[in-house]
């Protein structure tokens, strides 16, 4: 069982290591925002790990359902704000 799990994991893991284009660092608008000082290559590394997982979730049925619920709630909130004015 472990061998089939390892084989499935190894076959899908290559999808998670996709290259991202180099992006210029984001320039802070004020000095307060610049408190984190995270290097851009570290942000890129985190994106390489999390982005495929997020995409997989939103491609799933559960992710599609949750997105539709969020979208409907957001639209309802917009209508309430318009009615308040």
Protein backbone atom coordinates (compact mmCIF):
# COMPACT_ATOMS: atom_id res chain seq x y z
CA UNK A 1 0.00 0.00 0.00
CA UNK A 2 2.81 2.39 0.81
CA UNK A 3 4.38 1.78 -2.58
CA UNK A 4 1.21 2.75 -4.47
CA UNK A 5 0.79 5.84 -2.28
CA UNK A 6 4.39 6.85 -2.86
CA UNK A 7 4.02 6.29 -6.60
CA UNK A 8 0.84 8.41 -6.75
CA UNK A 9 2.40 11.14 -4.65
CA UNK A 10 5.57 11.21 -6.72
CA UNK A 11 3.61 11.35 -9.96
CA UNK A 12 1.55 14.33 -8.79
CA UNK A 13 4.27 16.22 -6.93
CA UNK A 14 6.00 17.30 -10.15
CA UNK A 15 2.93 19.48 -10.83
CA UNK A 16 3.61 21.50 -7.69
CA UNK A 17 7.09 22.63 -8.73
CA UNK A 18 6.29 24.93 -11.60
CA UNK A 19 8.54 27.87 -12.35
CA UNK A 20 7.18 31.35 -11.73
CA UNK A 21 8.40 34.33 -13.70
CA UNK A 22 10.56 36.75 -11.79
CA UNK A 23 8.53 39.69 -10.59
CA UNK A 24 9.93 43.01 -9.52
CA UNK A 25 9.69 43.65 -5.79
CA UNK A 26 6.64 45.54 -4.63
CA UNK A 27 7.51 49.03 -3.53
CA UNK A 28 5.81 50.01 -0.26
CA UNK A 29 3.58 53.08 -0.31
CA UNK A 30 4.64 54.11 3.17
CA UNK A 31 7.23 53.20 5.79
CA UNK A 32 4.74 51.41 8.07
CA UNK A 33 3.97 48.78 5.43
CA UNK A 34 7.64 47.87 5.02
CA UNK A 35 7.85 46.19 8.44
CA UNK A 36 7.92 42.60 7.15
CA UNK A 37 11.10 42.71 4.98
CA UNK A 38 10.40 39.30 3.43
CA UNK A 39 12.72 38.68 0.47
CA UNK A 40 10.97 38.25 -2.88
CA UNK A 41 12.50 34.80 -3.44
CA UNK A 42 10.88 33.59 -0.20
CA UNK A 43 7.49 34.91 -1.31
CA UNK A 44 7.97 33.13 -4.66
CA UNK A 45 8.84 29.88 -2.87
CA UNK A 46 5.68 30.10 -0.77
CA UNK A 47 3.63 30.81 -3.90
CA UNK A 48 5.08 27.71 -5.58
CA UNK A 49 3.83 25.59 -2.69
CA UNK A 50 0.45 27.19 -1.98
CA UNK A 51 -0.79 28.27 -5.42
CA UNK A 52 -1.27 24.74 -6.84
CA UNK A 53 -3.08 23.69 -3.66
CA UNK A 54 -5.41 26.70 -3.87
CA UNK A 55 -6.06 26.02 -7.56
CA UNK A 56 -6.82 22.37 -6.86
CA UNK A 57 -9.30 23.38 -4.16
CA UNK A 58 -11.16 25.86 -6.37
CA UNK A 59 -11.30 23.32 -9.20
CA UNK A 60 -12.95 20.77 -6.90
CA UNK A 61 -16.73 20.52 -6.42
CA UNK A 62 -16.43 21.72 -2.83
CA UNK A 63 -14.35 24.71 -3.87
CA UNK A 64 -16.78 25.62 -6.65
CA UNK A 65 -19.69 25.42 -4.20
CA UNK A 66 -17.96 27.55 -1.57
CA UNK A 67 -16.97 30.12 -4.19
CA UNK A 68 -20.57 30.33 -5.44
CA UNK A 69 -21.81 30.80 -1.84
CA UNK A 70 -19.21 33.53 -1.22
CA UNK A 71 -20.12 35.26 -4.46
CA UNK A 72 -23.85 35.21 -3.64
CA UNK A 73 -23.19 36.57 -0.14
CA UNK A 74 -21.02 39.35 -1.57
CA UNK A 75 -23.70 40.34 -4.08
CA UNK A 76 -26.31 40.41 -1.31
CA UNK A 77 -24.07 42.68 0.78
CA UNK A 78 -23.61 45.03 -2.18
CA UNK A 79 -27.39 45.27 -2.63
CA UNK A 80 -27.87 46.01 1.07
CA UNK A 81 -25.30 48.82 0.88
CA UNK A 82 -27.01 50.30 -2.18
CA UNK A 83 -30.40 50.22 -0.45
CA UNK A 84 -28.93 51.93 2.62
CA UNK A 85 -27.96 54.97 0.54
